[in-house]
Amino acid sequence: MFSSAHRQDHDERAPAADRPTQDHWIADALRKNIALGILFIDRENNVLPQISAAASTLLRCREFGSANFETLLKPLVAEKTLHSILAARDRLRQPAPADAPSGAAELADVDLRLPNPDGSVTTACCRFTFSAVDAHPDRDVCMVAIADETADVQHVRELKDLRSRVQVQAEILRSLLQIGRARFAVSMQRTDAAMSAINAILKKPAREQSAFRLKLEETLVEVDRIRREGAALKLTSLEGAARSFEDSLHELRGRASLSGGDFLPLAVKLDELFGQYALVRALTKRTQPATAEASSDERVTDNGTQIIDAPRFIAKMGAAGRIPGEDARARVPPRRPARSGSLESTLASLSEHIAEEYAKAVKLECVGLDLVPAAYQGAVKNVAIQLIRNAIMHGVETRDARALAGKPACAALRLTFVALPDGSFEMRFQDDGRGVDPQLVRRIAVAKGLISAQAAAALPDRQAIKLIFKSRFTTIDTPLAEGHGGGLTLVRRYVDESGGKIALASLPGRDTRFKVSLPAVPPPDS
């Protein structure tokens, strides 16, 4: 009582100009320090002055002034998403039933496209919560709480992927125990043959209805075989992907007429099926025990990771692009022998498989990989795999293009790892391919909404080429392009998680060079 009376007496004696500051110091502290983006909007969706610092940061807006909530969000979200947000706000205005909870409306998984100072765009996954607040009787005011859940969503996706891999591995082990390794291998060979057959069938040219129907029926036969093999092995993921693809084919079968465009939407389903099969093949090699009868390509790296070769159907896809009568030994030059099971051997094998898949010739030279400390073996391997894959897919030209440019038919890839005097490390990777064209990067980044046209034009070339690290950036222009654009994003993530930095330089038409700097490994605790 004394405390309350004393404060009331103090407030009454305080100057009128000072009272708001004294009465609202808690609210001011919350606005400055709360992690949620908090703002208030009235009946006309005008933003009121009470705004949290987190809202300014999240919405990339320093001065709200008399901004309108709808106008504020319009450049940050898709039109459909904006309608959903406003609909959630409108639901709060509607009277709720007496027995229903009232006072709040929520909308999750809202993607905000947030501009960065360099002109690029970052996507954040947020949750919007609208809550009614007691205000002036003549005004309808609600509080908007915006929570950035990007990290949580990413963790959920990674956990889902991990659970999927664990489930597939458990199913493989169970199947091996129930039917034996020999029968399992025979079933996988049948699935492998069916995968190759599907790829060959879909590559067949077709113009007449009869040709489209024949492709459809032949594909159905092979997909049915994959589904039955998956069911026999009790591999639910593989069986499910085959069934989903089969359902799409049955839907096409029921159409009165078919065209080449009708087969394009199947690319996503086909990619899922191939992805599940590749996962099964990779995990199968990990779960099989090492025996004297095991093939020579089942090798393990120094850090205990199984060397995963590309599935045979992928190699056959690349083989389809060979020139008839050409000696295969002349296509890919012999590489210097690497110690079996080493990281160098793994990367060399990977580069050969990817090059064959894209009908290109490359030679990978590795230097200093034996110097990679245990703490960085995983990161170096992951970064190297992505850089090699990116170089062969995007950087290295075809043999004809290299001949026109006056280059050797075989592209040169070089990976070096060195220990610096201060205890830190440096990894360098380069290829002698077409390089990174800054103008092309700008056009693609603008087309994909990763950066505005004005910001792209203002970027120097050395900054523009760094846009290739952005998520969803890819130069692939095919129906499967939606699944690409994450390789160099992963590289940046691996480097960041290791506490390192990555730099990029390129000379268009000549080469592309990456430099990864890694800090010194801290000494073990004594």
Protein backbone atom coordinates (compact mmCIF):
# COMPACT_ATOMS: atom_id res chain seq x y z
CA MET A 1 0.00 0.00 0.00
CA PHE A 2 2.78 2.43 0.93
CA SER A 3 4.64 1.66 -2.26
CA SER A 4 1.58 2.16 -4.44
CA ALA A 5 0.57 5.36 -2.66
CA HIS A 6 4.10 6.69 -2.79
CA ARG A 7 4.34 6.05 -6.56
CA GLN A 8 0.92 7.60 -7.17
CA ASP A 9 1.92 10.67 -5.18
CA HIS A 10 5.19 10.89 -7.11
CA ASP A 11 3.42 10.62 -10.47
CA GLU A 12 0.96 13.34 -9.51
CA ARG A 13 3.82 15.68 -8.61
CA ALA A 14 5.86 14.80 -11.72
CA PRO A 15 5.64 17.17 -14.68
CA ALA A 16 3.08 16.08 -17.29
CA ALA A 17 5.77 15.77 -19.98
CA ASP A 18 7.68 13.25 -17.87
CA ARG A 19 4.77 10.95 -17.05
CA PRO A 20 4.61 9.06 -20.35
CA THR A 21 8.29 8.19 -20.04
CA GLN A 22 7.82 6.99 -16.47
CA ASP A 23 4.64 5.06 -17.29
CA HIS A 24 5.94 3.36 -20.42
CA TRP A 25 9.53 2.43 -19.60
CA ILE A 26 8.59 -1.27 -19.51
CA ALA A 27 6.96 -1.05 -22.93
CA ASP A 28 10.00 0.78 -24.31
CA ALA A 29 12.33 -1.90 -22.95
CA LEU A 30 10.21 -4.64 -24.52
CA ARG A 31 10.13 -2.92 -27.88
CA LYS A 32 13.91 -2.65 -27.91
CA ASN A 33 14.81 -6.12 -26.63
CA ILE A 34 12.04 -8.58 -27.48
CA ALA A 35 13.00 -11.08 -30.18
CA LEU A 36 9.58 -11.02 -31.85
CA GLY A 37 8.70 -8.50 -34.52
CA ILE A 38 5.85 -6.59 -32.85
CA LEU A 39 3.73 -3.90 -34.44
CA PHE A 40 0.15 -2.62 -34.10
CA ILE A 41 -2.33 -1.89 -36.88
CA ASP A 42 -5.69 -0.15 -36.80
CA ARG A 43 -8.96 -0.86 -38.65
CA GLU A 44 -7.57 0.58 -41.91
CA ASN A 45 -4.38 -1.53 -41.54
CA ASN A 46 -2.29 1.55 -40.78
CA VAL A 47 0.83 0.80 -38.72
CA LEU A 48 0.84 2.58 -35.36
CA PRO A 49 4.03 4.07 -33.82
CA GLN A 50 4.53 1.26 -31.26
CA ILE A 51 7.01 -0.96 -33.18
CA SER A 52 9.64 -3.35 -31.82
CA ALA A 53 13.24 -3.13 -32.97
CA ALA A 54 13.02 -6.74 -34.17
CA ALA A 55 10.17 -5.78 -36.53
CA SER A 56 12.33 -3.07 -38.10
CA THR A 57 15.18 -5.55 -38.59
CA LEU A 58 13.01 -8.37 -39.89
CA LEU A 59 10.98 -6.26 -42.32
CA ARG A 60 14.07 -4.30 -43.41
CA CYS A 61 12.33 -1.00 -42.60
CA ARG A 62 13.82 1.73 -40.41
CA GLU A 63 11.18 4.43 -40.80
CA PHE A 64 7.58 3.19 -40.75
CA GLY A 65 6.00 6.63 -40.52
CA SER A 66 2.34 6.29 -41.51
CA ALA A 67 2.96 3.08 -43.42
CA ASN A 68 0.11 0.77 -44.34
CA PHE A 69 0.45 -2.87 -43.30
CA GLU A 70 -0.62 -4.18 -46.71
CA THR A 71 1.67 -1.79 -48.59
CA LEU A 72 4.55 -2.74 -46.28
CA LEU A 73 4.19 -6.48 -46.99
CA LYS A 74 3.40 -6.30 -50.70
CA PRO A 75 7.02 -6.30 -51.98
CA LEU A 76 8.03 -8.97 -49.46
CA VAL A 77 5.51 -11.75 -50.15
CA ALA A 78 3.71 -13.36 -53.05
CA GLU A 79 0.27 -12.02 -53.89
CA LYS A 80 -1.44 -15.21 -52.75
CA THR A 81 0.46 -15.09 -49.44
CA LEU A 82 -0.53 -11.47 -48.92
CA HIS A 83 -4.20 -12.39 -49.32
CA SER A 84 -3.77 -15.16 -46.73
CA ILE A 85 -2.18 -12.75 -44.24
CA LEU A 86 -4.94 -10.20 -44.65
CA ALA A 87 -7.56 -12.94 -44.39
CA ALA A 88 -6.07 -13.98 -41.04
CA ARG A 89 -6.31 -10.37 -39.91
CA ASP A 90 -9.95 -10.21 -41.07
CA ARG A 91 -10.82 -13.37 -39.13
CA LEU A 92 -9.91 -11.51 -35.96
CA ARG A 93 -12.56 -8.89 -36.73
CA GLN A 94 -15.33 -11.45 -37.09
CA PRO A 95 -17.30 -12.29 -33.94
CA ALA A 96 -16.38 -15.72 -32.58
CA PRO A 97 -18.91 -18.21 -31.16
CA ALA A 98 -19.42 -18.01 -27.43
CA ASP A 99 -17.80 -21.40 -26.83
CA ALA A 100 -14.80 -20.77 -29.13
CA PRO A 101 -11.51 -19.22 -28.05
CA SER A 102 -11.21 -15.70 -29.34
CA GLY A 103 -8.69 -12.94 -29.50
CA ALA A 104 -6.06 -14.44 -31.81
CA ALA A 105 -5.56 -15.61 -35.41
CA GLU A 106 -2.42 -17.28 -36.72
CA LEU A 107 -0.77 -18.01 -40.07
CA ALA A 108 2.36 -20.19 -40.23
CA ASP A 109 4.94 -20.92 -42.95
CA VAL A 110 4.91 -17.43 -44.46
CA ASP A 111 7.87 -16.89 -46.79
CA LEU A 112 9.26 -13.34 -46.68
CA ARG A 113 11.63 -12.27 -49.46
CA LEU A 114 13.88 -9.83 -47.60
CA PRO A 115 16.27 -7.48 -49.45
CA ASN A 116 19.89 -7.34 -48.28
CA PRO A 117 22.18 -4.29 -48.38
CA ASP A 118 24.10 -5.78 -51.34
CA GLY A 119 20.89 -6.00 -53.37
CA SER A 120 20.43 -9.76 -52.97
CA VAL A 121 17.38 -11.37 -51.39
CA THR A 122 17.11 -13.70 -48.38
CA THR A 123 14.06 -15.88 -47.80
CA ALA A 124 12.82 -16.16 -44.22
CA CYS A 125 10.07 -18.50 -43.03
CA CYS A 126 7.88 -16.68 -40.50
CA ARG A 127 4.77 -17.11 -38.38
CA PHE A 128 2.23 -14.26 -38.14
CA THR A 129 0.02 -14.05 -35.05
CA PHE A 130 -2.77 -11.44 -34.83
CA SER A 131 -4.11 -10.64 -31.35
CA ALA A 132 -6.89 -8.28 -30.34
CA VAL A 133 -5.91 -5.53 -27.92
CA ASP A 134 -7.97 -3.27 -25.70
CA ALA A 135 -7.73 0.21 -27.16
CA HIS A 136 -9.79 3.30 -27.69
CA PRO A 137 -13.47 2.34 -28.11
CA ASP A 138 -13.60 4.06 -31.49
CA ARG A 139 -10.61 2.19 -32.86
CA ASP A 140 -10.15 -1.46 -33.79
CA VAL A 141 -6.49 -2.20 -33.02
CA CYS A 142 -4.68 -5.53 -33.15
CA MET A 143 -1.14 -6.59 -32.37
CA VAL A 144 0.88 -8.41 -35.03
CA ALA A 145 3.65 -10.72 -33.78
CA ILE A 146 6.10 -11.95 -36.44
CA ALA A 147 8.36 -14.85 -35.44
CA ASP A 148 11.31 -15.82 -37.65
CA GLU A 149 11.24 -19.64 -37.73
CA THR A 150 13.73 -20.14 -40.57
CA ALA A 151 16.27 -22.00 -38.46
CA ASP A 152 13.61 -24.24 -36.91
CA VAL A 153 12.16 -25.08 -40.34
CA GLN A 154 15.62 -25.94 -41.66
CA HIS A 155 16.27 -28.18 -38.66
CA VAL A 156 12.94 -29.95 -39.20
CA ARG A 157 13.81 -30.59 -42.84
CA GLU A 158 17.24 -31.92 -41.93
CA LEU A 159 15.71 -34.13 -39.25
CA LYS A 160 13.13 -35.43 -41.73
CA ASP A 161 15.88 -36.28 -44.19
CA LEU A 162 17.90 -38.01 -41.47
CA ARG A 163 14.87 -40.02 -40.37
CA SER A 164 14.27 -41.06 -43.98
CA ARG A 165 17.84 -42.29 -44.32
CA VAL A 166 17.68 -44.16 -41.03
CA GLN A 167 14.39 -45.78 -42.05
CA VAL A 168 15.80 -46.89 -45.41
CA GLN A 169 18.94 -48.27 -43.76
CA ALA A 170 16.85 -50.19 -41.22
CA GLU A 171 14.70 -51.65 -44.00
CA ILE A 172 17.81 -52.72 -45.92
CA LEU A 173 19.28 -54.46 -42.89
CA ARG A 174 16.00 -56.22 -42.16
CA SER A 175 15.69 -57.35 -45.78
CA LEU A 176 19.27 -58.64 -45.82
CA LEU A 177 18.58 -60.67 -42.68
CA GLN A 178 15.30 -62.07 -43.99
CA ILE A 179 16.14 -62.98 -47.60
CA GLY A 180 19.93 -63.08 -47.59
CA ARG A 181 22.56 -61.05 -49.37
CA ALA A 182 22.50 -63.05 -52.60
CA ARG A 183 18.77 -62.68 -53.20
CA PHE A 184 18.93 -59.02 -52.20
CA ALA A 185 21.70 -58.41 -54.77
CA VAL A 186 19.70 -60.14 -57.52
CA SER A 187 16.66 -58.00 -56.75
CA MET A 188 18.73 -54.83 -56.84
CA GLN A 189 20.17 -55.89 -60.21
CA ARG A 190 16.64 -56.21 -61.57
CA THR A 191 15.78 -52.77 -60.22
CA ASP A 192 18.97 -51.41 -61.75
CA ALA A 193 18.02 -52.83 -65.15
CA ALA A 194 14.52 -51.37 -64.87
CA MET A 195 15.94 -47.94 -64.06
CA SER A 196 18.17 -48.08 -67.12
CA ALA A 197 15.25 -49.21 -69.27
CA ILE A 198 13.07 -46.29 -68.11
CA ASN A 199 15.78 -43.82 -69.03
CA ALA A 200 16.18 -45.39 -72.48
CA ILE A 201 12.41 -45.47 -73.09
CA LEU A 202 11.88 -41.82 -72.20
CA LYS A 203 14.69 -40.80 -74.53
CA LYS A 204 12.97 -42.37 -77.53
CA PRO A 205 11.69 -39.77 -80.01
CA ALA A 206 7.92 -39.72 -80.47
CA ARG A 207 5.55 -37.68 -82.65
CA GLU A 208 2.57 -39.90 -83.32
CA GLN A 209 -0.06 -40.94 -80.77
CA SER A 210 0.95 -44.58 -81.19
CA ALA A 211 4.57 -43.74 -80.28
CA PHE A 212 3.50 -41.83 -77.16
CA ARG A 213 1.24 -44.71 -76.10
CA LEU A 214 4.04 -47.21 -76.62
CA LYS A 215 6.43 -45.14 -74.46
CA LEU A 216 3.77 -44.92 -71.78
CA GLU A 217 3.06 -48.66 -71.70
CA GLU A 218 6.75 -49.63 -71.76
CA THR A 219 7.49 -47.24 -68.89
CA LEU A 220 4.56 -48.65 -66.89
CA VAL A 221 5.96 -52.16 -67.22
CA GLU A 222 9.36 -51.12 -65.85
CA VAL A 223 7.94 -48.98 -63.04
CA ASP A 224 5.67 -51.86 -62.01
CA ARG A 225 8.77 -54.08 -61.84
CA ILE A 226 10.55 -51.55 -59.58
CA ARG A 227 7.49 -51.27 -57.34
CA ARG A 228 7.23 -55.06 -56.99
CA GLU A 229 10.94 -55.41 -56.23
CA GLY A 230 10.66 -52.67 -53.61
CA ALA A 231 7.68 -54.44 -52.05
CA ALA A 232 9.50 -57.78 -52.05
CA LEU A 233 12.46 -56.21 -50.27
CA LYS A 234 10.08 -54.25 -48.00
CA LEU A 235 11.75 -50.98 -48.97
CA THR A 236 8.77 -48.69 -48.40
CA SER A 237 10.44 -45.50 -49.66
CA LEU A 238 11.42 -47.05 -52.99
CA GLU A 239 8.05 -48.76 -53.34
CA GLY A 240 6.22 -45.52 -52.51
CA ALA A 241 8.20 -43.46 -55.04
CA ALA A 242 7.53 -46.08 -57.73
CA ARG A 243 3.83 -46.18 -56.88
CA SER A 244 3.57 -42.38 -57.07
CA PHE A 245 5.26 -42.38 -60.49
CA GLU A 246 3.02 -45.26 -61.59
CA ASP A 247 -0.11 -43.34 -60.55
CA SER A 248 0.96 -40.39 -62.69
CA LEU A 249 1.48 -42.70 -65.66
CA HIS A 250 -1.98 -44.22 -65.17
CA GLU A 251 -3.44 -40.72 -65.15
CA LEU A 252 -1.80 -40.07 -68.55
CA ARG A 253 -3.07 -43.38 -69.87
CA GLY A 254 -6.64 -42.24 -69.29
CA ARG A 255 -6.29 -39.14 -71.48
CA ALA A 256 -7.83 -39.09 -74.92
CA SER A 257 -4.64 -37.79 -76.57
CA LEU A 258 -1.00 -37.40 -75.59
CA SER A 259 1.78 -34.99 -76.52
CA GLY A 260 5.38 -34.47 -75.52
CA GLY A 261 4.32 -31.76 -73.10
CA ASP A 262 2.24 -34.26 -71.14
CA PHE A 263 5.41 -36.11 -70.17
CA LEU A 264 7.23 -33.05 -68.79
CA PRO A 265 5.40 -32.98 -65.41
CA LEU A 266 6.59 -36.56 -64.88
CA ALA A 267 10.14 -35.24 -64.46
CA VAL A 268 9.58 -34.43 -60.77
CA LYS A 269 8.17 -37.90 -60.00
CA LEU A 270 10.96 -39.53 -61.98
CA ASP A 271 13.57 -37.50 -60.13
CA GLU A 272 12.08 -38.63 -56.79
CA LEU A 273 12.22 -42.27 -57.93
CA PHE A 274 15.82 -41.97 -59.08
CA GLY A 275 16.71 -40.20 -55.83
CA GLN A 276 15.20 -42.96 -53.69
CA TYR A 277 16.96 -45.62 -55.73
CA ALA A 278 20.33 -43.84 -55.46
CA LEU A 279 19.83 -43.59 -51.68
CA VAL A 280 19.08 -47.30 -51.43
CA ARG A 281 22.13 -48.18 -53.52
CA ALA A 282 24.40 -45.95 -51.43
CA LEU A 283 23.11 -47.27 -48.10
CA THR A 284 23.20 -50.86 -49.39
CA LYS A 285 26.95 -50.56 -49.85
CA ARG A 286 27.32 -49.21 -46.32
CA THR A 287 25.31 -52.02 -44.75
CA GLN A 288 26.94 -54.91 -46.61
CA PRO A 289 29.83 -56.52 -44.70
CA ALA A 290 33.28 -56.40 -46.21
CA THR A 291 34.14 -59.87 -47.52
CA ALA A 292 36.69 -61.37 -49.85
CA GLU A 293 33.93 -61.72 -52.45
CA ALA A 294 33.07 -58.02 -52.33
CA SER A 295 33.74 -56.06 -55.49
CA SER A 296 36.89 -53.97 -55.67
CA ASP A 297 34.92 -50.70 -55.85
CA GLU A 298 33.56 -51.13 -52.30
CA ARG A 299 36.19 -49.06 -50.53
CA VAL A 300 36.35 -47.06 -47.32
CA THR A 301 38.13 -43.75 -46.83
CA ASP A 302 40.65 -43.10 -44.07
CA ASN A 303 37.96 -41.46 -41.96
CA GLY A 304 35.66 -44.47 -42.20
CA THR A 305 33.27 -43.21 -44.87
CA GLN A 306 32.13 -45.66 -47.54
CA ILE A 307 33.06 -44.60 -51.06
CA ILE A 308 29.76 -44.23 -52.92
CA ASP A 309 29.98 -44.74 -56.67
CA ALA A 310 27.25 -43.46 -58.95
CA PRO A 311 24.52 -45.99 -59.76
CA ARG A 312 25.10 -47.90 -62.97
CA PHE A 313 22.07 -46.40 -64.69
CA ILE A 314 23.66 -42.94 -64.36
CA ALA A 315 26.86 -44.19 -65.98
CA LYS A 316 24.79 -45.65 -68.81
CA MET A 317 23.04 -42.30 -69.26
CA GLY A 318 26.45 -40.72 -69.83
CA ALA A 319 27.52 -43.60 -72.08
CA ALA A 320 24.59 -42.87 -74.38
CA GLY A 321 26.36 -39.68 -75.43
CA ARG A 322 29.51 -41.43 -76.71
CA ILE A 323 30.57 -41.02 -80.31
CA PRO A 324 30.06 -44.34 -82.18
CA GLY A 325 33.33 -46.15 -82.73
CA GLU A 326 35.25 -43.90 -80.36
CA ASP A 327 37.74 -45.68 -78.13
CA ALA A 328 36.54 -45.19 -74.55
CA ARG A 329 40.13 -45.16 -73.34
CA ALA A 330 40.77 -42.03 -75.40
CA ARG A 331 37.82 -40.20 -73.85
CA VAL A 332 39.06 -40.10 -70.26
CA PRO A 333 42.84 -40.06 -69.84
CA PRO A 334 44.40 -42.28 -67.19
CA ARG A 335 44.86 -40.61 -63.82
CA ARG A 336 47.81 -41.16 -61.58
CA PRO A 337 47.14 -43.95 -59.10
CA ALA A 338 45.82 -42.83 -55.73
CA ARG A 339 46.07 -44.85 -52.55
CA SER A 340 43.02 -47.10 -52.38
CA GLY A 341 40.49 -45.87 -49.86
CA SER A 342 41.98 -42.38 -49.60
CA LEU A 343 40.05 -39.16 -50.01
CA GLU A 344 41.93 -38.53 -53.25
CA SER A 345 40.77 -41.90 -54.59
CA THR A 346 37.19 -41.12 -53.64
CA LEU A 347 37.22 -37.72 -55.37
CA ALA A 348 38.93 -39.08 -58.47
CA SER A 349 36.32 -41.82 -58.78
CA LEU A 350 33.54 -39.27 -58.30
CA SER A 351 34.93 -36.93 -60.96
CA GLU A 352 35.14 -39.78 -63.47
CA HIS A 353 31.54 -40.83 -62.86
CA ILE A 354 30.15 -37.30 -63.16
CA ALA A 355 32.22 -36.61 -66.28
CA GLU A 356 30.90 -39.76 -67.91
CA GLU A 357 27.34 -38.83 -66.96
CA TYR A 358 27.71 -35.50 -68.80
CA ALA A 359 29.82 -36.92 -71.67
CA LYS A 360 32.85 -34.80 -70.75
CA ALA A 361 36.50 -35.62 -70.12
CA VAL A 362 38.27 -34.36 -66.99
CA LYS A 363 41.42 -35.06 -65.05
CA LEU A 364 41.51 -34.28 -61.33
CA GLU A 365 44.85 -33.54 -59.69
CA CYS A 366 44.94 -33.54 -55.88
CA VAL A 367 47.81 -32.21 -53.79
CA GLY A 368 48.20 -32.23 -50.00
CA LEU A 369 45.01 -34.07 -49.04
CA ASP A 370 47.04 -36.19 -46.63
CA LEU A 371 47.52 -32.98 -44.60
CA VAL A 372 43.81 -32.58 -43.85
CA PRO A 373 43.38 -32.83 -40.05
CA ALA A 374 40.70 -35.12 -38.64
CA ALA A 375 38.60 -32.14 -37.54
CA TYR A 376 38.24 -30.95 -41.15
CA GLN A 377 38.04 -34.25 -43.05
CA GLY A 378 34.25 -34.21 -43.28
CA ALA A 379 34.04 -30.55 -44.32
CA VAL A 380 36.85 -30.82 -46.88
CA LYS A 381 35.29 -33.92 -48.42
CA ASN A 382 31.82 -32.34 -48.63
CA VAL A 383 33.12 -29.06 -50.05
CA ALA A 384 35.34 -30.85 -52.58
CA ILE A 385 32.47 -33.06 -53.78
CA GLN A 386 30.21 -30.08 -54.42
CA LEU A 387 32.93 -28.04 -56.13
CA ILE A 388 33.88 -30.95 -58.40
CA ARG A 389 30.26 -31.63 -59.29
CA ASN A 390 29.62 -27.92 -59.97
CA ALA A 391 32.75 -27.58 -62.10
CA ILE A 392 31.89 -30.55 -64.33
CA MET A 393 28.19 -29.72 -64.65
CA HIS A 394 28.54 -25.96 -65.23
CA GLY A 395 32.17 -24.93 -65.71
CA VAL A 396 33.72 -27.54 -67.99
CA GLU A 397 32.74 -27.23 -71.65
CA THR A 398 31.94 -30.09 -74.00
CA ARG A 399 34.80 -31.47 -76.09
CA ASP A 400 33.55 -29.63 -79.18
CA ALA A 401 33.30 -26.32 -77.32
CA ARG A 402 36.79 -26.77 -75.87
CA ALA A 403 38.18 -27.49 -79.33
CA LEU A 404 36.64 -24.26 -80.67
CA ALA A 405 38.20 -22.38 -77.74
CA GLY A 406 41.62 -23.91 -78.46
CA LYS A 407 41.63 -25.94 -75.25
CA PRO A 408 42.61 -29.57 -74.72
CA ALA A 409 39.67 -31.97 -74.94
CA CYS A 410 40.35 -33.07 -71.37
CA ALA A 411 39.57 -30.42 -68.76
CA ALA A 412 41.95 -29.95 -65.82
CA LEU A 413 40.66 -29.81 -62.24
CA ARG A 414 43.13 -29.09 -59.46
CA LEU A 415 42.52 -29.41 -55.71
CA THR A 416 45.21 -28.41 -53.21
CA PHE A 417 45.30 -28.34 -49.42
CA VAL A 418 48.11 -26.63 -47.53
CA ALA A 419 48.95 -25.95 -43.89
CA LEU A 420 50.01 -22.34 -43.32
CA PRO A 421 52.74 -21.22 -40.88
CA ASP A 422 50.23 -19.69 -38.45
CA GLY A 423 48.49 -23.06 -37.99
CA SER A 424 45.54 -22.28 -40.28
CA PHE A 425 44.77 -24.13 -43.51
CA GLU A 426 43.91 -23.22 -47.07
CA MET A 427 42.08 -25.25 -49.67
CA ARG A 428 42.10 -24.20 -53.32
CA PHE A 429 40.10 -25.59 -56.22
CA GLN A 430 40.15 -24.49 -59.84
CA ASP A 431 39.05 -25.64 -63.28
CA ASP A 432 40.03 -24.45 -66.75
CA GLY A 433 36.44 -24.28 -67.99
CA ARG A 434 34.30 -21.46 -69.32
CA GLY A 435 34.49 -19.40 -66.13
CA VAL A 436 31.68 -17.40 -64.55
CA ASP A 437 30.05 -14.77 -66.75
CA PRO A 438 29.00 -11.82 -64.53
CA GLN A 439 26.33 -10.67 -66.99
CA LEU A 440 24.77 -14.14 -67.14
CA VAL A 441 24.81 -14.37 -63.34
CA ARG A 442 23.07 -11.00 -63.08
CA ARG A 443 20.34 -11.99 -65.57
CA ILE A 444 19.62 -15.31 -63.83
CA ALA A 445 19.64 -13.77 -60.35
CA VAL A 446 17.18 -11.07 -61.45
CA ALA A 447 14.96 -13.59 -63.24
CA LYS A 448 14.77 -15.76 -60.11
CA GLY A 449 14.00 -12.79 -57.88
CA LEU A 450 17.25 -13.10 -55.92
CA ILE A 451 18.17 -9.47 -56.55
CA SER A 452 16.60 -6.43 -58.16
CA ALA A 453 17.65 -5.32 -61.63
CA GLN A 454 18.91 -1.99 -60.29
CA ALA A 455 20.98 -3.62 -57.55
CA ALA A 456 22.38 -6.18 -59.99
CA ALA A 457 23.48 -3.49 -62.42
CA ALA A 458 25.23 -1.60 -59.61
CA LEU A 459 27.27 -4.60 -58.48
CA PRO A 460 30.90 -4.81 -59.64
CA ASP A 461 31.71 -7.98 -61.56
CA ARG A 462 33.72 -9.45 -58.68
CA GLN A 463 30.66 -9.07 -56.44
CA ALA A 464 28.12 -10.15 -59.04
CA ILE A 465 29.68 -13.59 -59.53
CA LYS A 466 29.26 -14.27 -55.79
CA LEU A 467 25.51 -14.49 -56.40
CA ILE A 468 26.10 -18.10 -57.48
CA PHE A 469 26.28 -18.93 -53.75
CA LYS A 470 22.63 -17.90 -53.33
CA SER A 471 20.04 -20.62 -52.75
CA ARG A 472 18.06 -21.60 -55.88
CA PHE A 473 20.64 -20.07 -58.23
CA THR A 474 21.27 -22.40 -61.16
CA THR A 475 22.04 -22.05 -64.86
CA ILE A 476 20.19 -25.29 -65.65
CA ASP A 477 17.18 -24.67 -67.87
CA THR A 478 15.31 -27.99 -67.85
CA PRO A 479 12.15 -29.36 -66.22
CA LEU A 480 14.38 -30.68 -63.42
CA ALA A 481 15.96 -27.30 -62.72
CA GLU A 482 13.75 -26.87 -59.64
CA GLY A 483 15.81 -29.51 -57.88
CA HIS A 484 19.10 -27.72 -58.55
CA GLY A 485 20.67 -24.59 -57.15
CA GLY A 486 21.76 -25.88 -53.76
CA GLY A 487 25.30 -27.15 -54.37
CA LEU A 488 27.23 -23.93 -53.78
CA THR A 489 24.81 -22.95 -51.03
CA LEU A 490 25.89 -26.14 -49.28
CA VAL A 491 29.55 -25.24 -49.87
CA ARG A 492 29.05 -21.90 -48.14
CA ARG A 493 27.23 -23.63 -45.30
CA TYR A 494 29.98 -26.24 -44.80
CA VAL A 495 32.63 -23.51 -44.76
CA ASP A 496 30.66 -21.34 -42.34
CA GLU A 497 30.08 -24.25 -39.97
CA SER A 498 33.85 -24.86 -39.93
CA GLY A 499 34.49 -21.22 -39.03
CA GLY A 500 36.12 -20.55 -42.39
CA LYS A 501 35.74 -18.19 -45.32
CA ILE A 502 35.39 -18.77 -49.04
CA ALA A 503 36.53 -16.55 -51.91
CA LEU A 504 35.77 -16.78 -55.62
CA ALA A 505 37.57 -15.46 -58.68
CA SER A 506 37.00 -16.17 -62.35
CA LEU A 507 38.25 -15.17 -65.77
CA PRO A 508 35.42 -15.74 -68.28
CA GLY A 509 36.45 -18.23 -70.93
CA ARG A 510 39.55 -19.26 -68.97
CA ASP A 511 39.01 -20.56 -65.44
CA THR A 512 37.19 -20.46 -62.09
CA ARG A 513 39.05 -20.45 -58.75
CA PHE A 514 37.79 -21.05 -55.21
CA LYS A 515 39.82 -20.44 -52.05
CA VAL A 516 38.64 -21.78 -48.70
CA SER A 517 40.42 -20.51 -45.58
CA LEU A 518 40.06 -22.62 -42.43
CA PRO A 519 41.17 -21.57 -38.93
CA ALA A 520 43.74 -23.45 -36.90
CA VAL A 521 42.45 -26.54 -35.12
CA PRO A 522 42.24 -25.85 -31.36
CA PRO A 523 44.43 -28.15 -29.25
CA PRO A 524 42.60 -30.97 -27.43
CA ASP A 525 41.60 -30.32 -23.84
CA SER A 526 44.26 -31.47 -21.43
